[in-house]
PDB file of all heavy atoms in Angstrom:
ATOM      1  N   ARG A   1      39.342 122.297 -91.431  1.00  0.00           N
ATOM      2  CA  ARG A   1      39.757 121.002 -90.880  1.00  0.00           C
ATOM      3  C   ARG A   1      41.078 121.125 -90.139  1.00  0.00           C
ATOM      4  O   ARG A   1      41.266 120.510 -89.075  1.00  0.00           O
ATOM      5  CB  ARG A   1      39.869 119.961 -92.002  1.00  0.00           C
ATOM      6  CG  ARG A   1      38.537 119.465 -92.535  1.00  0.00           C
ATOM      7  CD  ARG A   1      38.722 118.194 -93.344  1.00  0.00           C
ATOM      8  NE  ARG A   1      39.596 118.403 -94.496  1.00  0.00           N
ATOM      9  CZ  ARG A   1      39.155 118.742 -95.702  1.00  0.00           C
ATOM     10  NH1 ARG A   1      37.862 118.925 -95.906  1.00  0.00           N
ATOM     11  NH2 ARG A   1      40.011 118.893 -96.706  1.00  0.00           N
ATOM     12  N   ALA A   2      42.003 121.908 -90.692  1.00  0.00           N
ATOM     13  CA  ALA A   2      43.296 122.087 -90.029  1.00  0.00           C
ATOM     14  C   ALA A   2      43.110 122.762 -88.675  1.00  0.00           C
ATOM     15  O   ALA A   2      43.733 122.377 -87.676  1.00  0.00           O
ATOM     16  CB  ALA A   2      44.231 122.908 -90.915  1.00  0.00           C
ATOM     17  N   LYS A   3      42.235 123.761 -88.619  1.00  0.00           N
ATOM     18  CA  LYS A   3      41.977 124.453 -87.348  1.00  0.00           C
ATOM     19  C   LYS A   3      41.373 123.501 -86.330  1.00  0.00           C
ATOM     20  O   LYS A   3      41.728 123.524 -85.147  1.00  0.00           O
ATOM     21  CB  LYS A   3      41.053 125.646 -87.580  1.00  0.00           C
ATOM     22  CG  LYS A   3      41.704 126.813 -88.307  1.00  0.00           C
ATOM     23  CD  LYS A   3      40.706 127.937 -88.539  1.00  0.00           C
ATOM     24  CE  LYS A   3      41.357 129.124 -89.222  1.00  0.00           C
ATOM     25  NZ  LYS A   3      40.382 130.205 -89.501  1.00  0.00           N
ATOM     26  N   ARG A   4      40.438 122.664 -86.788  1.00  0.00           N
ATOM     27  CA  ARG A   4      39.834 121.693 -85.868  1.00  0.00           C
ATOM     28  C   ARG A   4      40.873 120.711 -85.350  1.00  0.00           C
ATOM     29  O   ARG A   4      40.865 120.331 -84.173  1.00  0.00           O
ATOM     30  CB  ARG A   4      38.699 120.945 -86.560  1.00  0.00           C
ATOM     31  CG  ARG A   4      37.436 121.762 -86.763  1.00  0.00           C
ATOM     32  CD  ARG A   4      36.253 120.864 -87.069  1.00  0.00           C
ATOM     33  NE  ARG A   4      36.425 120.145 -88.325  1.00  0.00           N
ATOM     34  CZ  ARG A   4      36.036 120.600 -89.510  1.00  0.00           C
ATOM     35  NH1 ARG A   4      35.446 121.787 -89.591  1.00  0.00           N
ATOM     36  NH2 ARG A   4      36.216 119.881 -90.606  1.00  0.00           N
ATOM     37  N   THR A   5      41.785 120.312 -86.246  1.00  0.00           N
ATOM     38  CA  THR A   5      42.799 119.327 -85.852  1.00  0.00           C
ATOM     39  C   THR A   5      43.701 119.869 -84.752  1.00  0.00           C
ATOM     40  O   THR A   5      44.038 119.155 -83.793  1.00  0.00           O
ATOM     41  CB  THR A   5      43.657 118.935 -87.075  1.00  0.00           C
ATOM     42  OG1 THR A   5      42.809 118.330 -88.054  1.00  0.00           O
ATOM     43  CG2 THR A   5      44.760 117.951 -86.676  1.00  0.00           C
ATOM     44  N   VAL A   6      44.092 121.138 -84.876  1.00  0.00           N
ATOM     45  CA  VAL A   6      45.063 121.687 -83.927  1.00  0.00           C
ATOM     46  C   VAL A   6      44.403 122.378 -82.733  1.00  0.00           C
ATOM     47  O   VAL A   6      45.099 122.843 -81.831  1.00  0.00           O
ATOM     48  CB  VAL A   6      46.011 122.695 -84.621  1.00  0.00           C
ATOM     49  CG1 VAL A   6      46.750 122.029 -85.764  1.00  0.00           C
ATOM     50  CG2 VAL A   6      45.242 123.912 -85.119  1.00  0.00           C
ATOM     51  N   SER A   7      43.064 122.431 -82.710  1.00  0.00           N
ATOM     52  CA  SER A   7      42.388 123.182 -81.642  1.00  0.00           C
ATOM     53  C   SER A   7      42.592 122.584 -80.263  1.00  0.00           C
ATOM     54  O   SER A   7      42.498 123.281 -79.258  1.00  0.00           O
ATOM     55  CB  SER A   7      40.883 123.278 -81.940  1.00  0.00           C
ATOM     56  OG  SER A   7      40.298 121.990 -81.959  1.00  0.00           O
ATOM     57  N   SER A   8      42.895 121.278 -80.200  1.00  0.00           N
ATOM     58  CA  SER A   8      43.011 120.631 -78.891  1.00  0.00           C
ATOM     59  C   SER A   8      44.389 120.042 -78.634  1.00  0.00           C
ATOM     60  O   SER A   8      44.552 119.189 -77.762  1.00  0.00           O
ATOM     61  CB  SER A   8      41.962 119.517 -78.779  1.00  0.00           C
ATOM     62  OG  SER A   8      42.155 118.548 -79.796  1.00  0.00           O
ATOM     63  N   ILE A   9      45.421 120.483 -79.400  1.00  0.00           N
ATOM     64  CA  ILE A   9      46.761 119.926 -79.205  1.00  0.00           C
ATOM     65  C   ILE A   9      47.714 121.009 -78.757  1.00  0.00           C
ATOM     66  O   ILE A   9      47.467 122.195 -78.914  1.00  0.00           O
ATOM     67  CB  ILE A   9      47.296 119.276 -80.511  1.00  0.00           C
ATOM     68  CG1 ILE A   9      47.409 120.332 -81.618  1.00  0.00           C
ATOM     69  CG2 ILE A   9      46.425 118.127 -80.943  1.00  0.00           C
ATOM     70  CD1 ILE A   9      48.009 119.808 -82.895  1.00  0.00           C
ATOM     71  N   ARG A  10      48.818 120.601 -78.182  1.00  0.00           N
ATOM     72  CA  ARG A  10      49.856 121.528 -77.751  1.00  0.00           C
ATOM     73  C   ARG A  10      50.846 121.729 -78.899  1.00  0.00           C
ATOM     74  O   ARG A  10      51.237 120.787 -79.554  1.00  0.00           O
ATOM     75  CB  ARG A  10      50.611 120.976 -76.535  1.00  0.00           C
ATOM     76  CG  ARG A  10      49.793 120.947 -75.269  1.00  0.00           C
ATOM     77  CD  ARG A  10      50.605 120.295 -74.146  1.00  0.00           C
ATOM     78  NE  ARG A  10      51.860 120.963 -73.928  1.00  0.00           N
ATOM     79  CZ  ARG A  10      52.005 122.049 -73.167  1.00  0.00           C
ATOM     80  NH1 ARG A  10      50.957 122.562 -72.565  1.00  0.00           N
ATOM     81  NH2 ARG A  10      53.174 122.607 -72.999  1.00  0.00           N
ATOM     82  N   PHE A  11      51.218 122.983 -79.112  1.00  0.00           N
ATOM     83  CA  PHE A  11      52.167 123.293 -80.178  1.00  0.00           C
ATOM     84  C   PHE A  11      53.592 123.175 -79.652  1.00  0.00           C
ATOM     85  O   PHE A  11      54.311 124.153 -79.506  1.00  0.00           O
ATOM     86  CB  PHE A  11      51.904 124.697 -80.717  1.00  0.00           C
ATOM     87  CG  PHE A  11      50.723 124.781 -81.608  1.00  0.00           C
ATOM     88  CD1 PHE A  11      49.473 125.102 -81.101  1.00  0.00           C
ATOM     89  CD2 PHE A  11      50.848 124.520 -82.955  1.00  0.00           C
ATOM     90  CE1 PHE A  11      48.380 125.182 -81.941  1.00  0.00           C
ATOM     91  CE2 PHE A  11      49.764 124.599 -83.812  1.00  0.00           C
ATOM     92  CZ  PHE A  11      48.522 124.920 -83.299  1.00  0.00           C
ATOM     93  N   ASP A  12      53.972 121.928 -79.330  1.00  0.00           N
ATOM     94  CA  ASP A  12      55.318 121.714 -78.813  1.00  0.00           C
ATOM     95  C   ASP A  12      56.149 120.845 -79.745  1.00  0.00           C
ATOM     96  O   ASP A  12      57.230 120.406 -79.404  1.00  0.00           O
ATOM     97  CB  ASP A  12      55.253 121.081 -77.416  1.00  0.00           C
ATOM     98  CG  ASP A  12      54.421 119.807 -77.388  1.00  0.00           C
ATOM     99  OD1 ASP A  12      53.926 119.401 -78.473  1.00  0.00           O
ATOM    100  OD2 ASP A  12      54.253 119.238 -76.304  1.00  0.00           O
ATOM    101  N   GLN A  13      55.619 120.559 -80.944  1.00  0.00           N
ATOM    102  CA  GLN A  13      56.355 119.793 -81.939  1.00  0.00           C
ATOM    103  C   GLN A  13      56.386 120.587 -83.239  1.00  0.00           C
ATOM    104  O   GLN A  13      55.462 120.512 -84.038  1.00  0.00           O
ATOM    105  CB  GLN A  13      55.685 118.440 -82.180  1.00  0.00           C
ATOM    106  CG  GLN A  13      55.769 117.477 -81.013  1.00  0.00           C
ATOM    107  CD  GLN A  13      55.085 116.171 -81.378  1.00  0.00           C
ATOM    108  OE1 GLN A  13      53.862 116.049 -81.309  1.00  0.00           O
ATOM    109  NE2 GLN A  13      55.864 115.204 -81.800  1.00  0.00           N
ATOM    110  N   PRO A  14      57.400 121.388 -83.458  1.00  0.00           N
ATOM    111  CA  PRO A  14      57.426 122.205 -84.662  1.00  0.00           C
ATOM    112  C   PRO A  14      57.511 121.359 -85.925  1.00  0.00           C
ATOM    113  O   PRO A  14      58.018 120.241 -85.916  1.00  0.00           O
ATOM    114  CB  PRO A  14      58.679 123.070 -84.488  1.00  0.00           C
ATOM    115  CG  PRO A  14      59.535 122.314 -83.530  1.00  0.00           C
ATOM    116  CD  PRO A  14      58.589 121.599 -82.614  1.00  0.00           C
ATOM    117  N   GLY A  15      57.014 121.917 -87.015  1.00  0.00           N
ATOM    118  CA  GLY A  15      57.034 121.210 -88.286  1.00  0.00           C
ATOM    119  C   GLY A  15      58.409 121.220 -88.934  1.00  0.00           C
ATOM    120  O   GLY A  15      59.372 121.755 -88.395  1.00  0.00           O
ATOM    121  N   ASP A  16      58.476 120.646 -90.145  1.00  0.00           N
ATOM    122  CA  ASP A  16      59.782 120.503 -90.787  1.00  0.00           C
ATOM    123  C   ASP A  16      60.079 121.694 -91.700  1.00  0.00           C
ATOM    124  O   ASP A  16      59.208 122.509 -92.017  1.00  0.00           O
ATOM    125  CB  ASP A  16      59.854 119.192 -91.560  1.00  0.00           C
ATOM    126  CG  ASP A  16      58.865 119.151 -92.723  1.00  0.00           C
ATOM    127  OD1 ASP A  16      58.070 120.096 -92.885  1.00  0.00           O
ATOM    128  OD2 ASP A  16      58.908 118.162 -93.465  1.00  0.00           O
ATOM    129  N   VAL A  17      61.335 121.758 -92.112  1.00  0.00           N
ATOM    130  CA  VAL A  17      61.802 122.882 -92.916  1.00  0.00           C
ATOM    131  C   VAL A  17      61.079 122.930 -94.259  1.00  0.00           C
ATOM    132  O   VAL A  17      60.727 124.010 -94.746  1.00  0.00           O
ATOM    133  CB  VAL A  17      63.327 122.780 -93.132  1.00  0.00           C
ATOM    134  CG1 VAL A  17      63.805 123.816 -94.145  1.00  0.00           C
ATOM    135  CG2 VAL A  17      64.058 122.973 -91.812  1.00  0.00           C
ATOM    136  N   ALA A  18      60.835 121.771 -94.869  1.00  0.00           N
ATOM    137  CA  ALA A  18      60.225 121.746 -96.200  1.00  0.00           C
ATOM    138  C   ALA A  18      58.862 122.423 -96.205  1.00  0.00           C
ATOM    139  O   ALA A  18      58.530 123.171 -97.136  1.00  0.00           O
ATOM    140  CB  ALA A  18      60.110 120.304 -96.691  1.00  0.00           C
ATOM    141  N   THR A  19      58.058 122.183 -95.164  1.00  0.00           N
ATOM    142  CA  THR A  19      56.735 122.796 -95.099  1.00  0.00           C
ATOM    143  C   THR A  19      56.852 124.307 -94.921  1.00  0.00           C
ATOM    144  O   THR A  19      56.131 125.086 -95.555  1.00  0.00           O
ATOM    145  CB  THR A  19      55.912 122.192 -93.951  1.00  0.00           C
ATOM    146  OG1 THR A  19      55.776 120.786 -94.167  1.00  0.00           O
ATOM    147  CG2 THR A  19      54.536 122.812 -93.871  1.00  0.00           C
ATOM    148  N   VAL A  20      57.756 124.744 -94.063  1.00  0.00           N
ATOM    149  CA  VAL A  20      57.946 126.181 -93.843  1.00  0.00           C
ATOM    150  C   VAL A  20      58.440 126.857 -95.126  1.00  0.00           C
ATOM    151  O   VAL A  20      57.999 127.961 -95.466  1.00  0.00           O
ATOM    152  CB  VAL A  20      58.929 126.425 -92.679  1.00  0.00           C
ATOM    153  CG1 VAL A  20      59.252 127.908 -92.544  1.00  0.00           C
ATOM    154  CG2 VAL A  20      58.335 125.896 -91.381  1.00  0.00           C
ATOM    155  N   LEU A  21      59.318 126.189 -95.869  1.00  0.00           N
ATOM    156  CA  LEU A  21      59.786 126.745 -97.139  1.00  0.00           C
ATOM    157  C   LEU A  21      58.628 126.926 -98.113  1.00  0.00           C
ATOM    158  O   LEU A  21      58.552 127.934 -98.829  1.00  0.00           O
ATOM    159  CB  LEU A  21      60.843 125.831 -97.765  1.00  0.00           C
ATOM    160  CG  LEU A  21      62.238 125.847 -97.144  1.00  0.00           C
ATOM    161  CD1 LEU A  21      63.149 124.875 -97.887  1.00  0.00           C
ATOM    162  CD2 LEU A  21      62.834 127.243 -97.182  1.00  0.00           C
ATOM    163  N   ARG A  22      57.735 125.945 -98.152  1.00  0.00           N
ATOM    164  CA  ARG A  22      56.583 126.054 -99.052  1.00  0.00           C
ATOM    165  C   ARG A  22      55.729 127.266 -98.687  1.00  0.00           C
ATOM    166  O   ARG A  22      55.246 127.989 -99.562  1.00  0.00           O
ATOM    167  CB  ARG A  22      55.760 124.766 -98.971  1.00  0.00           C
ATOM    168  CG  ARG A  22      54.507 124.734 -99.834  1.00  0.00           C
ATOM    169  CD  ARG A  22      54.811 124.821-101.295  1.00  0.00           C
ATOM    170  NE  ARG A  22      55.821 123.880-101.718  1.00  0.00           N
ATOM    171  CZ  ARG A  22      56.390 123.868-102.901  1.00  0.00           C
ATOM    172  NH1 ARG A  22      56.057 124.782-103.784  1.00  0.00           N
ATOM    173  NH2 ARG A  22      57.318 122.970-103.207  1.00  0.00           N
ATOM    174  N   VAL A  23      55.538 127.494 -97.400  1.00  0.00           N
ATOM    175  CA  VAL A  23      54.759 128.648 -96.961  1.00  0.00           C
ATOM    176  C   VAL A  23      55.451 129.944 -97.375  1.00  0.00           C
ATOM    177  O   VAL A  23      54.832 130.851 -97.945  1.00  0.00           O
ATOM    178  CB  VAL A  23      54.549 128.628 -95.437  1.00  0.00           C
ATOM    179  CG1 VAL A  23      53.800 129.872 -94.984  1.00  0.00           C
ATOM    180  CG2 VAL A  23      53.771 127.388 -95.019  1.00  0.00           C
ATOM    181  N   LEU A  24      56.744 130.051 -97.107  1.00  0.00           N
ATOM    182  CA  LEU A  24      57.479 131.268 -97.446  1.00  0.00           C
ATOM    183  C   LEU A  24      57.450 131.527 -98.949  1.00  0.00           C
ATOM    184  O   LEU A  24      57.328 132.676 -99.395  1.00  0.00           O
ATOM    185  CB  LEU A  24      58.923 131.156 -96.951  1.00  0.00           C
ATOM    186  CG  LEU A  24      59.109 131.224 -95.432  1.00  0.00           C
ATOM    187  CD1 LEU A  24      60.531 130.820 -95.053  1.00  0.00           C
ATOM    188  CD2 LEU A  24      58.793 132.620 -94.911  1.00  0.00           C
ATOM    189  N   TYR A  25      57.547 130.468 -99.721  1.00  0.00           N
ATOM    190  CA  TYR A  25      57.503 130.589-101.187  1.00  0.00           C
ATOM    191  C   TYR A  25      56.164 131.166-101.643  1.00  0.00           C
ATOM    192  O   TYR A  25      56.114 132.084-102.472  1.00  0.00           O
ATOM    193  CB  TYR A  25      57.728 129.200-101.793  1.00  0.00           C
ATOM    194  CG  TYR A  25      57.579 129.113-103.290  1.00  0.00           C
ATOM    195  CD1 TYR A  25      58.465 129.760-104.139  1.00  0.00           C
ATOM    196  CD2 TYR A  25      56.558 128.347-103.858  1.00  0.00           C
ATOM    197  CE1 TYR A  25      58.340 129.656-105.520  1.00  0.00           C
ATOM    198  CE2 TYR A  25      56.426 128.244-105.227  1.00  0.00           C
ATOM    199  CZ  TYR A  25      57.318 128.892-106.056  1.00  0.00           C
ATOM    200  OH  TYR A  25      57.195 128.791-107.416  1.00  0.00           O
ATOM    201  N   LEU A  26      55.063 130.643-101.080  1.00  0.00           N
ATOM    202  CA  LEU A  26      53.743 131.119-101.471  1.00  0.00           C
ATOM    203  C   LEU A  26      53.489 132.543-100.980  1.00  0.00           C
ATOM    204  O   LEU A  26      52.847 133.347-101.664  1.00  0.00           O
ATOM    205  CB  LEU A  26      52.664 130.167-100.958  1.00  0.00           C
ATOM    206  CG  LEU A  26      52.664 128.776-101.616  1.00  0.00           C
ATOM    207  CD1 LEU A  26      51.654 127.862-100.937  1.00  0.00           C
ATOM    208  CD2 LEU A  26      52.366 128.881-103.105  1.00  0.00           C
ATOM    209  N   VAL A  27      53.974 132.861 -99.785  1.00  0.00           N
ATOM    210  CA  VAL A  27      53.843 134.235 -99.282  1.00  0.00           C
ATOM    211  C   VAL A  27      54.594 135.193-100.204  1.00  0.00           C
ATOM    212  O   VAL A  27      54.083 136.264-100.566  1.00  0.00           O
ATOM    213  CB  VAL A  27      54.373 134.341 -97.834  1.00  0.00           C
ATOM    214  CG1 VAL A  27      54.498 135.801 -97.410  1.00  0.00           C
ATOM    215  CG2 VAL A  27      53.440 133.606 -96.877  1.00  0.00           C
ATOM    216  N   PHE A  28      55.794 134.826-100.599  1.00  0.00           N
ATOM    217  CA  PHE A  28      56.569 135.684-101.500  1.00  0.00           C
ATOM    218  C   PHE A  28      55.851 135.858-102.830  1.00  0.00           C
ATOM    219  O   PHE A  28      55.757 136.969-103.359  1.00  0.00           O
ATOM    220  CB  PHE A  28      57.959 135.090-101.745  1.00  0.00           C
ATOM    221  CG  PHE A  28      58.781 135.887-102.727  1.00  0.00           C
ATOM    222  CD1 PHE A  28      59.463 137.016-102.316  1.00  0.00           C
ATOM    223  CD2 PHE A  28      58.864 135.508-104.058  1.00  0.00           C
ATOM    224  CE1 PHE A  28      60.217 137.763-103.219  1.00  0.00           C
ATOM    225  CE2 PHE A  28      59.605 136.247-104.973  1.00  0.00           C
ATOM    226  CZ  PHE A  28      60.285 137.383-104.546  1.00  0.00           C
TER     227      PHE A  28
END
């Protein structure tokens, strides 16, 4: 669903720090 959502949009609005931190935490 996430891929479908972003398949037709421009990536010109970066997300927030909290979401990126969550990703880095899970990757670690």
